[in-house]
Amino acid sequence: MNGKTYDTKGVIKSMPTYPTTKEQYMAYDRFMTETEAELTKMHDMVNTLYEAKKQVADVLKEVKDETLKAEGKKLLDALDAWDKDMVQRKSKAYDDVENFPNKFTAEYLFMINHSNSSIPRITQPALDRRVELDAQWAGLKAKGQSLLKEKIPAYNAMLWEKGIGAIRK
């Protein structure tokens, strides 16, 4: 401030009104860090595949070859089905859940938010729910990886073979 720098040292002390152990703080930090990182991976995959879905839809408007059209439609349907399992795109307001059920990423985010607290403790129900959701995510992630690493490249190869170009993902 005004050209001067001030330093001070702080000490982090446990809150005497919260009987929380060091292990509980560490478990809370590990849980939140891991789940937030996994949620970021989910959202990255959702965004990547949603962009690929839009590109496939655009390509299909131009494709004349019936085989390419049929294969593109199958890919588009697979991308759309995966996206609908991951995200509810019809919701526009907070209370839209009454009309449009939440999808996987919303369930995962709810689990993270429900675990967030000023008292850093992860409950057994939160750990149990994470196990359930991680098991669901394993299947959804495998389908997403298959789309990214197998189905989209295979369709790209067909497009290149016909001189059309490729889908950028």
C-alpha atoms as a PDB file:
ATOM      1  CA  MET A   1       0.000   0.000   0.000  1.00  0.00           C
ATOM      2  CA  ASN A   2       1.354   3.398  -1.028  1.00  0.00           C
ATOM      3  CA  GLY A   3       4.533   1.724  -2.265  1.00  0.00           C
ATOM      4  CA  LYS A   4       5.096  -0.289   0.899  1.00  0.00           C
ATOM      5  CA  THR A   5       4.765  -4.019   1.395  1.00  0.00           C
ATOM      6  CA  TYR A   6       3.528  -5.492   4.635  1.00  0.00           C
ATOM      7  CA  ASP A   7       3.933  -9.120   5.622  1.00  0.00           C
ATOM      8  CA  THR A   8       2.409 -11.093   8.408  1.00  0.00           C
ATOM      9  CA  LYS A   9       2.429 -14.714   9.423  1.00  0.00           C
ATOM     10  CA  GLY A  10      -0.703 -16.628  10.175  1.00  0.00           C
ATOM     11  CA  VAL A  11      -1.326 -19.829  12.004  1.00  0.00           C
ATOM     12  CA  ILE A  12      -4.127 -22.161  11.085  1.00  0.00           C
ATOM     13  CA  LYS A  13      -5.675 -23.538  14.232  1.00  0.00           C
ATOM     14  CA  SER A  14      -8.452 -25.975  14.677  1.00  0.00           C
ATOM     15  CA  MET A  15     -11.817 -24.550  15.604  1.00  0.00           C
ATOM     16  CA  PRO A  16     -12.511 -25.555  19.219  1.00  0.00           C
ATOM     17  CA  THR A  17     -16.281 -25.657  18.626  1.00  0.00           C
ATOM     18  CA  TYR A  18     -15.842 -28.162  15.780  1.00  0.00           C
ATOM     19  CA  PRO A  19     -14.499 -31.471  17.026  1.00  0.00           C
ATOM     20  CA  THR A  20     -12.872 -32.258  13.681  1.00  0.00           C
ATOM     21  CA  THR A  21      -9.658 -34.246  13.469  1.00  0.00           C
ATOM     22  CA  LYS A  22      -6.778 -33.679  11.086  1.00  0.00           C
ATOM     23  CA  GLU A  23      -7.721 -36.935   9.344  1.00  0.00           C
ATOM     24  CA  GLN A  24     -11.277 -35.666   8.806  1.00  0.00           C
ATOM     25  CA  TYR A  25      -9.948 -32.439   7.269  1.00  0.00           C
ATOM     26  CA  MET A  26      -7.676 -34.477   5.005  1.00  0.00           C
ATOM     27  CA  ALA A  27     -10.487 -36.860   4.021  1.00  0.00           C
ATOM     28  CA  TYR A  28     -12.739 -33.882   3.241  1.00  0.00           C
ATOM     29  CA  ASP A  29     -10.053 -32.228   1.111  1.00  0.00           C
ATOM     30  CA  ARG A  30      -9.305 -35.472  -0.738  1.00  0.00           C
ATOM     31  CA  PHE A  31     -13.012 -36.163  -1.396  1.00  0.00           C
ATOM     32  CA  MET A  32     -13.736 -32.653  -2.648  1.00  0.00           C
ATOM     33  CA  THR A  33     -10.559 -32.418  -4.750  1.00  0.00           C
ATOM     34  CA  GLU A  34     -11.106 -35.802  -6.406  1.00  0.00           C
ATOM     35  CA  THR A  35     -14.809 -35.327  -7.109  1.00  0.00           C
ATOM     36  CA  GLU A  36     -14.365 -31.806  -8.458  1.00  0.00           C
ATOM     37  CA  ALA A  37     -11.553 -33.001 -10.747  1.00  0.00           C
ATOM     38  CA  GLU A  38     -13.737 -35.868 -12.005  1.00  0.00           C
ATOM     39  CA  LEU A  39     -16.636 -33.468 -12.609  1.00  0.00           C
ATOM     40  CA  THR A  40     -14.310 -31.307 -14.712  1.00  0.00           C
ATOM     41  CA  LYS A  41     -13.395 -34.376 -16.791  1.00  0.00           C
ATOM     42  CA  MET A  42     -17.092 -35.139 -17.253  1.00  0.00           C
ATOM     43  CA  HIS A  43     -17.874 -31.620 -18.393  1.00  0.00           C
ATOM     44  CA  ASP A  44     -14.879 -31.578 -20.733  1.00  0.00           C
ATOM     45  CA  MET A  45     -16.075 -34.818 -22.345  1.00  0.00           C
ATOM     46  CA  VAL A  46     -19.672 -33.549 -22.547  1.00  0.00           C
ATOM     47  CA  ASN A  47     -18.522 -30.341 -24.261  1.00  0.00           C
ATOM     48  CA  THR A  48     -16.189 -32.168 -26.660  1.00  0.00           C
ATOM     49  CA  LEU A  49     -18.808 -34.703 -27.712  1.00  0.00           C
ATOM     50  CA  TYR A  50     -21.542 -32.071 -27.955  1.00  0.00           C
ATOM     51  CA  GLU A  51     -19.354 -30.108 -30.370  1.00  0.00           C
ATOM     52  CA  ALA A  52     -18.711 -33.302 -32.366  1.00  0.00           C
ATOM     53  CA  LYS A  53     -22.472 -33.952 -32.428  1.00  0.00           C
ATOM     54  CA  LYS A  54     -23.095 -30.513 -33.945  1.00  0.00           C
ATOM     55  CA  GLN A  55     -20.393 -31.146 -36.544  1.00  0.00           C
ATOM     56  CA  VAL A  56     -21.846 -34.526 -37.503  1.00  0.00           C
ATOM     57  CA  ALA A  57     -25.280 -32.914 -37.876  1.00  0.00           C
ATOM     58  CA  ASP A  58     -23.758 -30.261 -40.162  1.00  0.00           C
ATOM     59  CA  VAL A  59     -21.928 -32.879 -42.235  1.00  0.00           C
ATOM     60  CA  LEU A  60     -25.133 -34.876 -42.666  1.00  0.00           C
ATOM     61  CA  LYS A  61     -26.833 -31.862 -44.260  1.00  0.00           C
ATOM     62  CA  GLU A  62     -24.293 -32.011 -47.092  1.00  0.00           C
ATOM     63  CA  VAL A  63     -23.696 -35.756 -47.489  1.00  0.00           C
ATOM     64  CA  LYS A  64     -25.288 -37.353 -50.552  1.00  0.00           C
ATOM     65  CA  ASP A  65     -23.791 -40.848 -50.244  1.00  0.00           C
ATOM     66  CA  GLU A  66     -26.413 -43.104 -48.613  1.00  0.00           C
ATOM     67  CA  THR A  67     -23.872 -45.257 -46.771  1.00  0.00           C
ATOM     68  CA  LEU A  68     -22.181 -42.190 -45.296  1.00  0.00           C
ATOM     69  CA  LYS A  69     -25.567 -40.749 -44.414  1.00  0.00           C
ATOM     70  CA  ALA A  70     -26.659 -43.963 -42.645  1.00  0.00           C
ATOM     71  CA  GLU A  71     -23.385 -44.288 -40.725  1.00  0.00           C
ATOM     72  CA  GLY A  72     -23.491 -40.601 -39.815  1.00  0.00           C
ATOM     73  CA  LYS A  73     -27.054 -40.949 -38.560  1.00  0.00           C
ATOM     74  CA  LYS A  74     -26.017 -43.916 -36.366  1.00  0.00           C
ATOM     75  CA  LEU A  75     -23.133 -41.866 -34.970  1.00  0.00           C
ATOM     76  CA  LEU A  76     -25.386 -38.858 -34.428  1.00  0.00           C
ATOM     77  CA  ASP A  77     -27.920 -41.030 -32.586  1.00  0.00           C
ATOM     78  CA  ALA A  78     -25.169 -42.493 -30.371  1.00  0.00           C
ATOM     79  CA  LEU A  79     -23.800 -39.024 -29.578  1.00  0.00           C
ATOM     80  CA  ASP A  80     -27.296 -37.749 -28.822  1.00  0.00           C
ATOM     81  CA  ALA A  81     -28.134 -40.695 -26.555  1.00  0.00           C
ATOM     82  CA  TRP A  82     -24.893 -40.279 -24.604  1.00  0.00           C
ATOM     83  CA  ASP A  83     -25.469 -36.530 -24.249  1.00  0.00           C
ATOM     84  CA  LYS A  84     -29.024 -37.113 -22.983  1.00  0.00           C
ATOM     85  CA  ASP A  85     -27.697 -39.520 -20.346  1.00  0.00           C
ATOM     86  CA  MET A  86     -25.185 -36.930 -19.164  1.00  0.00           C
ATOM     87  CA  VAL A  87     -26.983 -33.569 -19.348  1.00  0.00           C
ATOM     88  CA  GLN A  88     -30.533 -32.242 -19.228  1.00  0.00           C
ATOM     89  CA  ARG A  89     -30.475 -29.557 -21.910  1.00  0.00           C
ATOM     90  CA  LYS A  90     -34.189 -28.697 -21.664  1.00  0.00           C
ATOM     91  CA  SER A  91     -33.913 -27.168 -18.186  1.00  0.00           C
ATOM     92  CA  LYS A  92     -33.809 -23.393 -18.275  1.00  0.00           C
ATOM     93  CA  ALA A  93     -34.687 -22.500 -14.671  1.00  0.00           C
ATOM     94  CA  TYR A  94     -33.973 -23.939 -11.254  1.00  0.00           C
ATOM     95  CA  ASP A  95     -37.427 -25.453 -10.828  1.00  0.00           C
ATOM     96  CA  ASP A  96     -37.492 -27.088 -14.281  1.00  0.00           C
ATOM     97  CA  VAL A  97     -36.532 -30.356 -12.594  1.00  0.00           C
ATOM     98  CA  GLU A  98     -40.268 -30.812 -12.089  1.00  0.00           C
ATOM     99  CA  ASN A  99     -40.689 -30.966 -15.858  1.00  0.00           C
ATOM    100  CA  PHE A 100     -37.320 -32.311 -16.964  1.00  0.00           C
ATOM    101  CA  PRO A 101     -35.476 -34.814 -14.745  1.00  0.00           C
ATOM    102  CA  ASN A 102     -31.857 -34.155 -13.881  1.00  0.00           C
ATOM    103  CA  LYS A 103     -29.245 -36.217 -15.652  1.00  0.00           C
ATOM    104  CA  PHE A 104     -25.942 -37.681 -14.535  1.00  0.00           C
ATOM    105  CA  THR A 105     -23.764 -34.569 -14.223  1.00  0.00           C
ATOM    106  CA  ALA A 106     -26.451 -32.842 -12.145  1.00  0.00           C
ATOM    107  CA  GLU A 107     -26.622 -35.859  -9.829  1.00  0.00           C
ATOM    108  CA  TYR A 108     -22.838 -35.831  -9.436  1.00  0.00           C
ATOM    109  CA  LEU A 109     -22.790 -32.092  -8.817  1.00  0.00           C
ATOM    110  CA  PHE A 110     -25.567 -32.457  -6.232  1.00  0.00           C
ATOM    111  CA  MET A 111     -23.475 -35.062  -4.405  1.00  0.00           C
ATOM    112  CA  ILE A 112     -20.505 -32.673  -4.332  1.00  0.00           C
ATOM    113  CA  ASN A 113     -22.600 -29.703  -3.215  1.00  0.00           C
ATOM    114  CA  HIS A 114     -24.367 -31.774  -0.579  1.00  0.00           C
ATOM    115  CA  SER A 115     -20.966 -32.756   0.833  1.00  0.00           C
ATOM    116  CA  ASN A 116     -19.700 -29.177   0.949  1.00  0.00           C
ATOM    117  CA  SER A 117     -19.947 -27.689   4.415  1.00  0.00           C
ATOM    118  CA  SER A 118     -18.284 -25.243   6.757  1.00  0.00           C
ATOM    119  CA  ILE A 119     -17.731 -28.273   8.983  1.00  0.00           C
ATOM    120  CA  PRO A 120     -15.403 -30.355   6.812  1.00  0.00           C
ATOM    121  CA  ARG A 121     -16.694 -33.857   7.282  1.00  0.00           C
ATOM    122  CA  ILE A 122     -17.631 -36.407   4.690  1.00  0.00           C
ATOM    123  CA  THR A 123     -20.495 -38.584   5.821  1.00  0.00           C
ATOM    124  CA  GLN A 124     -20.897 -42.269   5.070  1.00  0.00           C
ATOM    125  CA  PRO A 125     -23.975 -41.602   2.886  1.00  0.00           C
ATOM    126  CA  ALA A 126     -21.865 -39.207   0.781  1.00  0.00           C
ATOM    127  CA  LEU A 127     -19.177 -41.863   0.399  1.00  0.00           C
ATOM    128  CA  ASP A 128     -21.819 -44.466  -0.500  1.00  0.00           C
ATOM    129  CA  ARG A 129     -23.418 -42.155  -3.069  1.00  0.00           C
ATOM    130  CA  ARG A 130     -20.032 -41.466  -4.608  1.00  0.00           C
ATOM    131  CA  VAL A 131     -19.440 -45.208  -5.036  1.00  0.00           C
ATOM    132  CA  GLU A 132     -22.815 -45.514  -6.807  1.00  0.00           C
ATOM    133  CA  LEU A 133     -22.180 -42.522  -9.059  1.00  0.00           C
ATOM    134  CA  ASP A 134     -18.591 -43.523  -9.829  1.00  0.00           C
ATOM    135  CA  ALA A 135     -19.875 -46.918 -10.967  1.00  0.00           C
ATOM    136  CA  GLN A 136     -22.396 -45.214 -13.266  1.00  0.00           C
ATOM    137  CA  TRP A 137     -19.709 -42.838 -14.518  1.00  0.00           C
ATOM    138  CA  ALA A 138     -17.416 -45.753 -15.383  1.00  0.00           C
ATOM    139  CA  GLY A 139     -19.999 -47.004 -17.889  1.00  0.00           C
ATOM    140  CA  LEU A 140     -20.827 -43.560 -19.244  1.00  0.00           C
ATOM    141  CA  LYS A 141     -17.136 -42.680 -19.505  1.00  0.00           C
ATOM    142  CA  ALA A 142     -16.425 -45.905 -21.409  1.00  0.00           C
ATOM    143  CA  LYS A 143     -19.207 -45.063 -23.896  1.00  0.00           C
ATOM    144  CA  GLY A 144     -17.840 -41.521 -24.259  1.00  0.00           C
ATOM    145  CA  GLN A 145     -14.304 -42.815 -24.812  1.00  0.00           C
ATOM    146  CA  SER A 146     -15.605 -45.261 -27.400  1.00  0.00           C
ATOM    147  CA  LEU A 147     -17.268 -42.393 -29.243  1.00  0.00           C
ATOM    148  CA  LEU A 148     -14.117 -40.273 -29.055  1.00  0.00           C
ATOM    149  CA  LYS A 149     -11.534 -42.916 -29.855  1.00  0.00           C
ATOM    150  CA  GLU A 150     -13.390 -45.368 -32.086  1.00  0.00           C
ATOM    151  CA  LYS A 151     -16.692 -44.247 -33.584  1.00  0.00           C
ATOM    152  CA  ILE A 152     -15.819 -40.656 -34.510  1.00  0.00           C
ATOM    153  CA  PRO A 153     -12.415 -41.623 -35.995  1.00  0.00           C
ATOM    154  CA  ALA A 154     -14.064 -44.458 -37.949  1.00  0.00           C
ATOM    155  CA  TYR A 155     -16.636 -42.068 -39.407  1.00  0.00           C
ATOM    156  CA  ASN A 156     -13.895 -39.536 -40.124  1.00  0.00           C
ATOM    157  CA  ALA A 157     -12.018 -42.176 -42.084  1.00  0.00           C
ATOM    158  CA  MET A 158     -15.138 -42.819 -44.164  1.00  0.00           C
ATOM    159  CA  LEU A 159     -15.533 -39.081 -44.782  1.00  0.00           C
ATOM    160  CA  TRP A 160     -11.890 -38.687 -45.811  1.00  0.00           C
ATOM    161  CA  GLU A 161     -12.180 -41.659 -48.117  1.00  0.00           C
ATOM    162  CA  LYS A 162     -15.006 -39.859 -49.941  1.00  0.00           C
ATOM    163  CA  GLY A 163     -13.026 -36.596 -49.987  1.00  0.00           C
ATOM    164  CA  ILE A 164     -15.413 -34.744 -47.656  1.00  0.00           C
ATOM    165  CA  GLY A 165     -13.178 -33.902 -44.727  1.00  0.00           C
ATOM    166  CA  ALA A 166     -13.296 -34.649 -41.047  1.00  0.00           C
ATOM    167  CA  ILE A 167     -15.041 -33.933 -37.804  1.00  0.00           C
ATOM    168  CA  ARG A 168     -12.876 -31.962 -35.402  1.00  0.00           C
ATOM    169  CA  LYS A 169     -13.395 -32.978 -31.787  1.00  0.00           C
END
